[in-house]
Amino acid sequence: MKTIKLNNGVEMPQLGYGVYQVDPAEAERCVSDALSVGYRMVDTAQAYGNEEGVGAAVKKSGILRNEVFLVSKVWISNYGYEKAKASIEESLRKLQTEYIDLMLLHQPFCDYYGAYRALEEACHEGKLRAIGVSNFQPNQFIDLASNVEVVPAVNQVETHVFCQQQKANAYMMECGTRIMSWGPLAEGRNGLFSNPVLTEIGKEHGVSAAAVALRYLTLRDVIIIPKSTHKERMIENFNIYDFTLTDAEMEQILALDLKKSQFFDHLDPETVKMFMGWR
């Protein structure tokens, strides 16, 4: 499994298993399946409500804790220094672990400066091995990264073939921050699974359009966490390193970039109002 070295020297798997929208009752089974396939990174969040299932699966797997890379995220209702500090302890308890490998701030709203100070403190104490953010747009990311002690190791943002985040990634790279994708398959939006370009390239390699889309991201050094509740698809997603793409194929996929979200714009006031209603 290829790893990505973060700006503090921590190595994390490039390919992991994401549990967004995985029913809490199914989380333990799904993560157990993913670990049996070979995944060694699991991405969860306080807002997903399934940290306990993730922790139980890792605990019961028999795999050494230092061989599984756990990622979680602090939700905006837990922002501010004191609440974020308490929520980190709660996540540690639910995940049944003494440390979390990577902890992110989930959204760029509310008191994220206070919350980030709690992340920094927990990182210094060894409770978090690396810290970062999620969904921070370039202006928000630059502002935060310029005013904190520990520069974010990761920024997890919507990244897939239709929203490739090239400009945003350039700013992250200036700070040594790695880009991590949520929605690497865009949840099938914009016809990703039947896209003619991806499908044709897939035929050349004997793989699906989805596999081509994921492999493209890995070749661009993007960290990815595809989610599926079906073991056979977990296996397909895990085997994307079995083939590579030519320079010409990479250029074809680059041309698919629409340079806009397929979900929602974090800079749109209506989006902000939506998240405020989720506190």
C-alpha atoms as a PDB file:
ATOM      1  CA  MET A   1       0.000   0.000   0.000  1.00  0.00           C
ATOM      2  CA  LYS A   2       1.378   3.397  -0.982  1.00  0.00           C
ATOM      3  CA  THR A   3       1.752   5.863   1.877  1.00  0.00           C
ATOM      4  CA  ILE A   4       1.818   9.652   1.945  1.00  0.00           C
ATOM      5  CA  LYS A   5       4.250  11.446   4.240  1.00  0.00           C
ATOM      6  CA  LEU A   6       2.596  14.323   6.109  1.00  0.00           C
ATOM      7  CA  ASN A   7       4.354  17.580   6.994  1.00  0.00           C
ATOM      8  CA  ASN A   8       5.201  16.297  10.483  1.00  0.00           C
ATOM      9  CA  GLY A   9       6.770  13.095   9.181  1.00  0.00           C
ATOM     10  CA  VAL A  10       3.787  10.830   9.932  1.00  0.00           C
ATOM     11  CA  GLU A  11       3.081   8.304   7.159  1.00  0.00           C
ATOM     12  CA  MET A  12      -0.532   7.581   6.271  1.00  0.00           C
ATOM     13  CA  PRO A  13      -1.985   5.157   3.712  1.00  0.00           C
ATOM     14  CA  GLN A  14      -3.031   6.891   0.505  1.00  0.00           C
ATOM     15  CA  LEU A  15      -6.069   4.643   0.171  1.00  0.00           C
ATOM     16  CA  GLY A  16      -8.521   4.217   3.021  1.00  0.00           C
ATOM     17  CA  TYR A  17     -12.098   3.256   3.759  1.00  0.00           C
ATOM     18  CA  GLY A  18     -14.655   5.983   4.443  1.00  0.00           C
ATOM     19  CA  VAL A  19     -17.768   5.470   6.581  1.00  0.00           C
ATOM     20  CA  TYR A  20     -19.759   8.599   5.709  1.00  0.00           C
ATOM     21  CA  GLN A  21     -23.461   7.636   5.510  1.00  0.00           C
ATOM     22  CA  VAL A  22     -22.724   4.138   6.840  1.00  0.00           C
ATOM     23  CA  ASP A  23     -25.514   3.289   9.289  1.00  0.00           C
ATOM     24  CA  PRO A  24     -24.089   3.099  12.835  1.00  0.00           C
ATOM     25  CA  ALA A  25     -25.642  -0.361  13.122  1.00  0.00           C
ATOM     26  CA  GLU A  26     -23.709  -1.484  10.046  1.00  0.00           C
ATOM     27  CA  ALA A  27     -20.421   0.297  10.743  1.00  0.00           C
ATOM     28  CA  GLU A  28     -18.744  -2.507  12.655  1.00  0.00           C
ATOM     29  CA  ARG A  29     -19.575  -5.068   9.959  1.00  0.00           C
ATOM     30  CA  CYS A  30     -18.479  -2.772   7.118  1.00  0.00           C
ATOM     31  CA  VAL A  31     -15.191  -1.780   8.751  1.00  0.00           C
ATOM     32  CA  SER A  32     -14.488  -5.425   9.616  1.00  0.00           C
ATOM     33  CA  ASP A  33     -14.991  -6.295   5.937  1.00  0.00           C
ATOM     34  CA  ALA A  34     -12.716  -3.450   4.848  1.00  0.00           C
ATOM     35  CA  LEU A  35      -9.967  -4.523   7.237  1.00  0.00           C
ATOM     36  CA  SER A  36     -10.237  -8.120   6.014  1.00  0.00           C
ATOM     37  CA  VAL A  37      -9.805  -6.890   2.426  1.00  0.00           C
ATOM     38  CA  GLY A  38      -6.595  -5.119   3.438  1.00  0.00           C
ATOM     39  CA  TYR A  39      -7.559  -1.509   4.148  1.00  0.00           C
ATOM     40  CA  ARG A  40      -5.456  -0.028   6.929  1.00  0.00           C
ATOM     41  CA  MET A  41      -6.951   3.463   7.106  1.00  0.00           C
ATOM     42  CA  VAL A  42     -10.514   4.239   8.231  1.00  0.00           C
ATOM     43  CA  ASP A  43     -12.081   7.699   8.027  1.00  0.00           C
ATOM     44  CA  THR A  44     -14.963   8.552  10.349  1.00  0.00           C
ATOM     45  CA  ALA A  45     -16.300  11.669  12.111  1.00  0.00           C
ATOM     46  CA  GLN A  46     -18.226  12.726  15.184  1.00  0.00           C
ATOM     47  CA  ALA A  47     -21.112  13.805  12.949  1.00  0.00           C
ATOM     48  CA  TYR A  48     -21.400  10.372  11.312  1.00  0.00           C
ATOM     49  CA  GLY A  49     -22.502   8.771  14.577  1.00  0.00           C
ATOM     50  CA  ASN A  50     -20.493   5.626  13.880  1.00  0.00           C
ATOM     51  CA  GLU A  51     -17.182   6.115  15.718  1.00  0.00           C
ATOM     52  CA  GLU A  52     -18.161   3.362  18.152  1.00  0.00           C
ATOM     53  CA  GLY A  53     -18.686   0.856  15.359  1.00  0.00           C
ATOM     54  CA  VAL A  54     -15.324   1.756  13.847  1.00  0.00           C
ATOM     55  CA  GLY A  55     -13.587   1.357  17.197  1.00  0.00           C
ATOM     56  CA  ALA A  56     -15.250  -1.993  17.871  1.00  0.00           C
ATOM     57  CA  ALA A  57     -14.238  -3.362  14.462  1.00  0.00           C
ATOM     58  CA  VAL A  58     -10.608  -2.329  14.876  1.00  0.00           C
ATOM     59  CA  LYS A  59     -10.504  -3.704  18.415  1.00  0.00           C
ATOM     60  CA  LYS A  60     -11.964  -7.075  17.380  1.00  0.00           C
ATOM     61  CA  SER A  61      -9.859  -7.380  14.218  1.00  0.00           C
ATOM     62  CA  GLY A  62      -6.756  -8.545  16.054  1.00  0.00           C
ATOM     63  CA  ILE A  63      -4.699  -6.143  13.931  1.00  0.00           C
ATOM     64  CA  LEU A  64      -2.114  -4.198  15.919  1.00  0.00           C
ATOM     65  CA  ARG A  65      -3.324  -0.683  16.684  1.00  0.00           C
ATOM     66  CA  ASN A  66      -0.231   0.883  15.097  1.00  0.00           C
ATOM     67  CA  GLU A  67      -1.091  -0.839  11.825  1.00  0.00           C
ATOM     68  CA  VAL A  68      -4.475   0.883  11.466  1.00  0.00           C
ATOM     69  CA  PHE A  69      -4.601   4.611  10.692  1.00  0.00           C
ATOM     70  CA  LEU A  70      -7.697   6.193  12.264  1.00  0.00           C
ATOM     71  CA  VAL A  71      -9.096   9.519  11.049  1.00  0.00           C
ATOM     72  CA  SER A  72     -11.935  11.429  12.712  1.00  0.00           C
ATOM     73  CA  LYS A  73     -13.320  14.953  12.654  1.00  0.00           C
ATOM     74  CA  VAL A  74     -14.633  17.441  15.216  1.00  0.00           C
ATOM     75  CA  TRP A  75     -18.122  18.686  14.360  1.00  0.00           C
ATOM     76  CA  ILE A  76     -19.022  22.404  14.520  1.00  0.00           C
ATOM     77  CA  SER A  77     -21.295  21.932  17.550  1.00  0.00           C
ATOM     78  CA  ASN A  78     -18.097  21.002  19.419  1.00  0.00           C
ATOM     79  CA  TYR A  79     -16.104  24.030  18.281  1.00  0.00           C
ATOM     80  CA  GLY A  80     -14.455  26.426  20.709  1.00  0.00           C
ATOM     81  CA  TYR A  81     -11.465  25.360  22.791  1.00  0.00           C
ATOM     82  CA  GLU A  82     -13.224  23.742  25.764  1.00  0.00           C
ATOM     83  CA  LYS A  83     -15.908  21.888  23.801  1.00  0.00           C
ATOM     84  CA  ALA A  84     -13.430  20.662  21.208  1.00  0.00           C
ATOM     85  CA  LYS A  85     -11.087  19.443  23.937  1.00  0.00           C
ATOM     86  CA  ALA A  86     -13.912  17.454  25.554  1.00  0.00           C
ATOM     87  CA  SER A  87     -15.053  16.078  22.205  1.00  0.00           C
ATOM     88  CA  ILE A  88     -11.583  14.728  21.438  1.00  0.00           C
ATOM     89  CA  GLU A  89     -11.722  12.743  24.673  1.00  0.00           C
ATOM     90  CA  GLU A  90     -15.162  11.449  23.701  1.00  0.00           C
ATOM     91  CA  SER A  91     -13.902  10.360  20.274  1.00  0.00           C
ATOM     92  CA  LEU A  92     -10.971   8.563  21.900  1.00  0.00           C
ATOM     93  CA  ARG A  93     -13.424   6.728  24.156  1.00  0.00           C
ATOM     94  CA  LYS A  94     -15.768   5.768  21.335  1.00  0.00           C
ATOM     95  CA  LEU A  95     -12.898   4.597  19.129  1.00  0.00           C
ATOM     96  CA  GLN A  96     -11.433   2.616  22.066  1.00  0.00           C
ATOM     97  CA  THR A  97      -7.969   4.021  21.471  1.00  0.00           C
ATOM     98  CA  GLU A  98      -5.347   6.047  23.304  1.00  0.00           C
ATOM     99  CA  TYR A  99      -4.604   8.134  20.225  1.00  0.00           C
ATOM    100  CA  ILE A 100      -6.147   9.133  16.892  1.00  0.00           C
ATOM    101  CA  ASP A 101      -3.795   9.230  13.925  1.00  0.00           C
ATOM    102  CA  LEU A 102      -5.388  12.244  12.221  1.00  0.00           C
ATOM    103  CA  MET A 103      -8.042  14.582  13.638  1.00  0.00           C
ATOM    104  CA  LEU A 104      -9.644  17.237  11.444  1.00  0.00           C
ATOM    105  CA  LEU A 105     -11.969  20.182  11.939  1.00  0.00           C
ATOM    106  CA  HIS A 106     -14.984  19.162   9.861  1.00  0.00           C
ATOM    107  CA  GLN A 107     -16.200  22.554   8.592  1.00  0.00           C
ATOM    108  CA  PRO A 108     -14.841  26.130   8.330  1.00  0.00           C
ATOM    109  CA  PHE A 109     -17.615  27.689  10.434  1.00  0.00           C
ATOM    110  CA  CYS A 110     -18.151  28.797  14.061  1.00  0.00           C
ATOM    111  CA  ASP A 111     -15.157  29.106  16.424  1.00  0.00           C
ATOM    112  CA  TYR A 112     -12.710  27.000  14.475  1.00  0.00           C
ATOM    113  CA  TYR A 113      -9.711  28.884  15.858  1.00  0.00           C
ATOM    114  CA  GLY A 114     -10.610  27.841  19.392  1.00  0.00           C
ATOM    115  CA  ALA A 115     -11.223  24.283  18.226  1.00  0.00           C
ATOM    116  CA  TYR A 116      -7.917  24.180  16.390  1.00  0.00           C
ATOM    117  CA  ARG A 117      -6.076  25.238  19.566  1.00  0.00           C
ATOM    118  CA  ALA A 118      -7.579  22.165  21.231  1.00  0.00           C
ATOM    119  CA  LEU A 119      -6.265  20.019  18.367  1.00  0.00           C
ATOM    120  CA  GLU A 120      -2.798  21.522  18.737  1.00  0.00           C
ATOM    121  CA  GLU A 121      -2.776  20.851  22.463  1.00  0.00           C
ATOM    122  CA  ALA A 122      -3.947  17.255  22.031  1.00  0.00           C
ATOM    123  CA  CYS A 123      -1.290  16.774  19.362  1.00  0.00           C
ATOM    124  CA  HIS A 124       1.442  17.989  21.727  1.00  0.00           C
ATOM    125  CA  GLU A 125       0.098  15.582  24.363  1.00  0.00           C
ATOM    126  CA  GLY A 126       0.317  12.623  21.979  1.00  0.00           C
ATOM    127  CA  LYS A 127      -3.431  12.060  21.800  1.00  0.00           C
ATOM    128  CA  LEU A 128      -3.419  13.024  18.119  1.00  0.00           C
ATOM    129  CA  ARG A 129      -0.544  12.109  15.806  1.00  0.00           C
ATOM    130  CA  ALA A 130      -1.483  14.684  13.164  1.00  0.00           C
ATOM    131  CA  ILE A 131      -4.108  17.392  12.786  1.00  0.00           C
ATOM    132  CA  GLY A 132      -5.773  19.225   9.956  1.00  0.00           C
ATOM    133  CA  VAL A 133      -8.997  20.584   8.507  1.00  0.00           C
ATOM    134  CA  SER A 134     -11.787  19.645   6.138  1.00  0.00           C
ATOM    135  CA  ASN A 135     -13.777  21.710   3.637  1.00  0.00           C
ATOM    136  CA  PHE A 136     -11.601  24.795   4.114  1.00  0.00           C
ATOM    137  CA  GLN A 137     -11.619  26.850   0.916  1.00  0.00           C
ATOM    138  CA  PRO A 138      -8.328  28.486  -0.218  1.00  0.00           C
ATOM    139  CA  ASN A 139      -8.993  31.834   1.484  1.00  0.00           C
ATOM    140  CA  GLN A 140     -10.044  30.167   4.740  1.00  0.00           C
ATOM    141  CA  PHE A 141      -7.160  27.704   4.587  1.00  0.00           C
ATOM    142  CA  ILE A 142      -4.518  30.389   4.014  1.00  0.00           C
ATOM    143  CA  ASP A 143      -5.915  32.495   6.859  1.00  0.00           C
ATOM    144  CA  LEU A 144      -5.822  29.592   9.330  1.00  0.00           C
ATOM    145  CA  ALA A 145      -2.484  28.148   8.206  1.00  0.00           C
ATOM    146  CA  SER A 146      -0.863  31.571   8.578  1.00  0.00           C
ATOM    147  CA  ASN A 147      -2.041  32.045  12.153  1.00  0.00           C
ATOM    148  CA  VAL A 148      -1.543  28.722  13.933  1.00  0.00           C
ATOM    149  CA  GLU A 149       1.409  26.987  15.535  1.00  0.00           C
ATOM    150  CA  VAL A 150       0.878  23.605  13.852  1.00  0.00           C
ATOM    151  CA  VAL A 151       0.202  23.954  10.132  1.00  0.00           C
ATOM    152  CA  PRO A 152      -2.580  21.562   9.013  1.00  0.00           C
ATOM    153  CA  ALA A 153      -1.194  18.271   7.752  1.00  0.00           C
ATOM    154  CA  VAL A 154      -4.282  17.608   5.637  1.00  0.00           C
ATOM    155  CA  ASN A 155      -7.232  19.450   4.143  1.00  0.00           C
ATOM    156  CA  GLN A 156     -10.021  17.046   3.211  1.00  0.00           C
ATOM    157  CA  VAL A 157     -12.137  18.569   0.460  1.00  0.00           C
ATOM    158  CA  GLU A 158     -14.512  17.443  -2.264  1.00  0.00           C
ATOM    159  CA  THR A 159     -12.184  16.036  -4.909  1.00  0.00           C
ATOM    160  CA  HIS A 160     -13.058  13.875  -7.911  1.00  0.00           C
ATOM    161  CA  VAL A 161     -12.641  13.986 -11.689  1.00  0.00           C
ATOM    162  CA  PHE A 162     -15.272  16.720 -12.064  1.00  0.00           C
ATOM    163  CA  CYS A 163     -13.886  18.868  -9.220  1.00  0.00           C
ATOM    164  CA  GLN A 164     -10.127  18.320  -9.193  1.00  0.00           C
ATOM    165  CA  GLN A 165      -9.165  21.190  -6.849  1.00  0.00           C
ATOM    166  CA  GLN A 166      -6.025  22.068  -8.793  1.00  0.00           C
ATOM    167  CA  LYS A 167      -5.886  25.706  -7.657  1.00  0.00           C
ATOM    168  CA  ALA A 168      -6.744  24.868  -4.039  1.00  0.00           C
ATOM    169  CA  ASN A 169      -4.135  22.112  -3.962  1.00  0.00           C
ATOM    170  CA  ALA A 170      -1.454  24.507  -5.171  1.00  0.00           C
ATOM    171  CA  TYR A 171      -2.056  26.696  -2.094  1.00  0.00           C
ATOM    172  CA  MET A 172      -2.045  23.651   0.192  1.00  0.00           C
ATOM    173  CA  MET A 173       1.246  22.443  -1.233  1.00  0.00           C
ATOM    174  CA  GLU A 174       2.838  25.816  -0.440  1.00  0.00           C
ATOM    175  CA  CYS A 175       2.228  24.953   3.225  1.00  0.00           C
ATOM    176  CA  GLY A 176       3.180  21.296   2.884  1.00  0.00           C
ATOM    177  CA  THR A 177      -0.470  20.361   3.456  1.00  0.00           C
ATOM    178  CA  ARG A 178      -1.758  17.241   1.716  1.00  0.00           C
ATOM    179  CA  ILE A 179      -5.055  17.101  -0.134  1.00  0.00           C
ATOM    180  CA  MET A 180      -7.470  14.373   0.943  1.00  0.00           C
ATOM    181  CA  SER A 181     -10.597  13.646  -1.047  1.00  0.00           C
ATOM    182  CA  TRP A 182     -14.106  13.175   0.213  1.00  0.00           C
ATOM    183  CA  GLY A 183     -16.498  11.904  -2.427  1.00  0.00           C
ATOM    184  CA  PRO A 184     -13.753  10.558  -4.731  1.00  0.00           C
ATOM    185  CA  LEU A 185     -16.475   9.028  -6.908  1.00  0.00           C
ATOM    186  CA  ALA A 186     -18.762  12.084  -6.596  1.00  0.00           C
ATOM    187  CA  GLU A 187     -21.418   9.638  -5.313  1.00  0.00           C
ATOM    188  CA  GLY A 188     -21.992   8.839  -8.983  1.00  0.00           C
ATOM    189  CA  ARG A 189     -23.119  12.355  -9.809  1.00  0.00           C
ATOM    190  CA  ASN A 190     -22.806  13.807 -13.301  1.00  0.00           C
ATOM    191  CA  GLY A 191     -22.898  10.272 -14.682  1.00  0.00           C
ATOM    192  CA  LEU A 192     -19.449   9.364 -13.400  1.00  0.00           C
ATOM    193  CA  PHE A 193     -19.989   5.578 -13.530  1.00  0.00           C
ATOM    194  CA  SER A 194     -20.971   5.702 -17.213  1.00  0.00           C
ATOM    195  CA  ASN A 195     -18.788   8.590 -18.351  1.00  0.00           C
ATOM    196  CA  PRO A 196     -17.582   7.817 -21.905  1.00  0.00           C
ATOM    197  CA  VAL A 197     -13.983   8.880 -21.281  1.00  0.00           C
ATOM    198  CA  LEU A 198     -13.632   6.886 -18.064  1.00  0.00           C
ATOM    199  CA  THR A 199     -15.460   3.897 -19.537  1.00  0.00           C
ATOM    200  CA  GLU A 200     -13.263   3.775 -22.645  1.00  0.00           C
ATOM    201  CA  ILE A 201     -10.070   4.059 -20.630  1.00  0.00           C
ATOM    202  CA  GLY A 202     -11.406   1.367 -18.316  1.00  0.00           C
ATOM    203  CA  LYS A 203     -11.876  -1.013 -21.252  1.00  0.00           C
ATOM    204  CA  GLU A 204      -8.201  -0.615 -22.118  1.00  0.00           C
ATOM    205  CA  HIS A 205      -7.238  -1.795 -18.640  1.00  0.00           C
ATOM    206  CA  GLY A 206     -10.058  -4.244 -17.961  1.00  0.00           C
ATOM    207  CA  VAL A 207     -11.471  -2.164 -15.096  1.00  0.00           C
ATOM    208  CA  SER A 208     -14.542  -0.051 -14.355  1.00  0.00           C
ATOM    209  CA  ALA A 209     -14.977   3.682 -14.847  1.00  0.00           C
ATOM    210  CA  ALA A 210     -14.969   4.005 -11.050  1.00  0.00           C
ATOM    211  CA  ALA A 211     -11.576   2.300 -10.795  1.00  0.00           C
ATOM    212  CA  VAL A 212     -10.167   4.662 -13.431  1.00  0.00           C
ATOM    213  CA  ALA A 213     -11.511   7.685 -11.531  1.00  0.00           C
ATOM    214  CA  LEU A 214      -9.918   6.500  -8.280  1.00  0.00           C
ATOM    215  CA  ARG A 215      -6.601   5.544  -9.896  1.00  0.00           C
ATOM    216  CA  TYR A 216      -6.387   8.971 -11.499  1.00  0.00           C
ATOM    217  CA  LEU A 217      -6.625  10.639  -8.100  1.00  0.00           C
ATOM    218  CA  THR A 218      -3.921   8.427  -6.599  1.00  0.00           C
ATOM    219  CA  LEU A 219      -1.599   9.256  -9.496  1.00  0.00           C
ATOM    220  CA  ARG A 220      -2.199  12.930  -8.647  1.00  0.00           C
ATOM    221  CA  ASP A 221      -1.073  12.155  -5.055  1.00  0.00           C
ATOM    222  CA  VAL A 222      -4.560  12.655  -3.627  1.00  0.00           C
ATOM    223  CA  ILE A 223      -5.466  10.680  -0.482  1.00  0.00           C
ATOM    224  CA  ILE A 224      -8.770   8.887  -1.076  1.00  0.00           C
ATOM    225  CA  ILE A 225     -11.416   7.163   1.078  1.00  0.00           C
ATOM    226  CA  PRO A 226     -13.986   5.481  -1.201  1.00  0.00           C
ATOM    227  CA  LYS A 227     -16.991   4.101   0.661  1.00  0.00           C
ATOM    228  CA  SER A 228     -19.040   1.026  -0.075  1.00  0.00           C
ATOM    229  CA  THR A 229     -21.104  -1.287   2.090  1.00  0.00           C
ATOM    230  CA  HIS A 230     -20.490  -4.172  -0.351  1.00  0.00           C
ATOM    231  CA  LYS A 231     -17.337  -6.234   0.127  1.00  0.00           C
ATOM    232  CA  GLU A 232     -16.930  -6.959  -3.583  1.00  0.00           C
ATOM    233  CA  ARG A 233     -16.755  -3.216  -4.311  1.00  0.00           C
ATOM    234  CA  MET A 234     -14.347  -2.698  -1.417  1.00  0.00           C
ATOM    235  CA  ILE A 235     -12.094  -5.249  -3.134  1.00  0.00           C
ATOM    236  CA  GLU A 236     -12.431  -3.521  -6.517  1.00  0.00           C
ATOM    237  CA  ASN A 237     -11.547  -0.150  -4.981  1.00  0.00           C
ATOM    238  CA  PHE A 238      -8.615  -1.687  -3.108  1.00  0.00           C
ATOM    239  CA  ASN A 239      -7.121  -3.200  -6.273  1.00  0.00           C
ATOM    240  CA  ILE A 240      -6.694   0.050  -8.200  1.00  0.00           C
ATOM    241  CA  TYR A 241      -2.908  -0.116  -7.830  1.00  0.00           C
ATOM    242  CA  ASP A 242      -2.905  -3.148 -10.153  1.00  0.00           C
ATOM    243  CA  PHE A 243      -2.872  -0.874 -13.202  1.00  0.00           C
ATOM    244  CA  THR A 244      -1.651   2.572 -14.160  1.00  0.00           C
ATOM    245  CA  LEU A 245      -2.663   5.266 -16.639  1.00  0.00           C
ATOM    246  CA  THR A 246      -0.714   6.658 -19.556  1.00  0.00           C
ATOM    247  CA  ASP A 247       0.132  10.346 -19.844  1.00  0.00           C
ATOM    248  CA  ALA A 248      -2.437  10.661 -22.634  1.00  0.00           C
ATOM    249  CA  GLU A 249      -5.131   9.067 -20.462  1.00  0.00           C
ATOM    250  CA  MET A 250      -4.233  11.382 -17.595  1.00  0.00           C
ATOM    251  CA  GLU A 251      -4.694  14.360 -19.916  1.00  0.00           C
ATOM    252  CA  GLN A 252      -8.083  13.083 -21.045  1.00  0.00           C
ATOM    253  CA  ILE A 253      -9.272  12.821 -17.443  1.00  0.00           C
ATOM    254  CA  LEU A 254      -7.804  16.214 -16.571  1.00  0.00           C
ATOM    255  CA  ALA A 255     -10.062  17.686 -19.263  1.00  0.00           C
ATOM    256  CA  LEU A 256     -13.139  16.395 -17.361  1.00  0.00           C
ATOM    257  CA  ASP A 257     -12.573  18.956 -14.599  1.00  0.00           C
ATOM    258  CA  LEU A 258     -15.590  21.270 -14.342  1.00  0.00           C
ATOM    259  CA  LYS A 259     -13.832  23.235 -11.572  1.00  0.00           C
ATOM    260  CA  LYS A 260     -16.952  23.401  -9.426  1.00  0.00           C
ATOM    261  CA  SER A 261     -18.683  21.431  -6.710  1.00  0.00           C
ATOM    262  CA  GLN A 262     -21.181  18.724  -7.546  1.00  0.00           C
ATOM    263  CA  PHE A 263     -22.665  19.066  -4.046  1.00  0.00           C
ATOM    264  CA  PHE A 264     -22.634  22.568  -2.523  1.00  0.00           C
ATOM    265  CA  ASP A 265     -20.508  25.699  -2.381  1.00  0.00           C
ATOM    266  CA  HIS A 266     -19.021  26.314   1.085  1.00  0.00           C
ATOM    267  CA  LEU A 267     -18.758  30.020   0.269  1.00  0.00           C
ATOM    268  CA  ASP A 268     -22.462  30.355  -0.554  1.00  0.00           C
ATOM    269  CA  PRO A 269     -24.386  32.071   2.293  1.00  0.00           C
ATOM    270  CA  GLU A 270     -27.211  29.547   1.899  1.00  0.00           C
ATOM    271  CA  THR A 271     -24.735  26.723   2.508  1.00  0.00           C
ATOM    272  CA  VAL A 272     -23.517  28.449   5.651  1.00  0.00           C
ATOM    273  CA  LYS A 273     -27.121  28.859   6.851  1.00  0.00           C
ATOM    274  CA  MET A 274     -27.685  25.149   6.216  1.00  0.00           C
ATOM    275  CA  PHE A 275     -24.733  24.173   8.391  1.00  0.00           C
ATOM    276  CA  MET A 276     -25.770  26.580  11.116  1.00  0.00           C
ATOM    277  CA  GLY A 277     -29.022  24.624  11.287  1.00  0.00           C
ATOM    278  CA  TRP A 278     -27.041  21.417  11.930  1.00  0.00           C
ATOM    279  CA  ARG A 279     -25.369  22.639  15.114  1.00  0.00           C
END
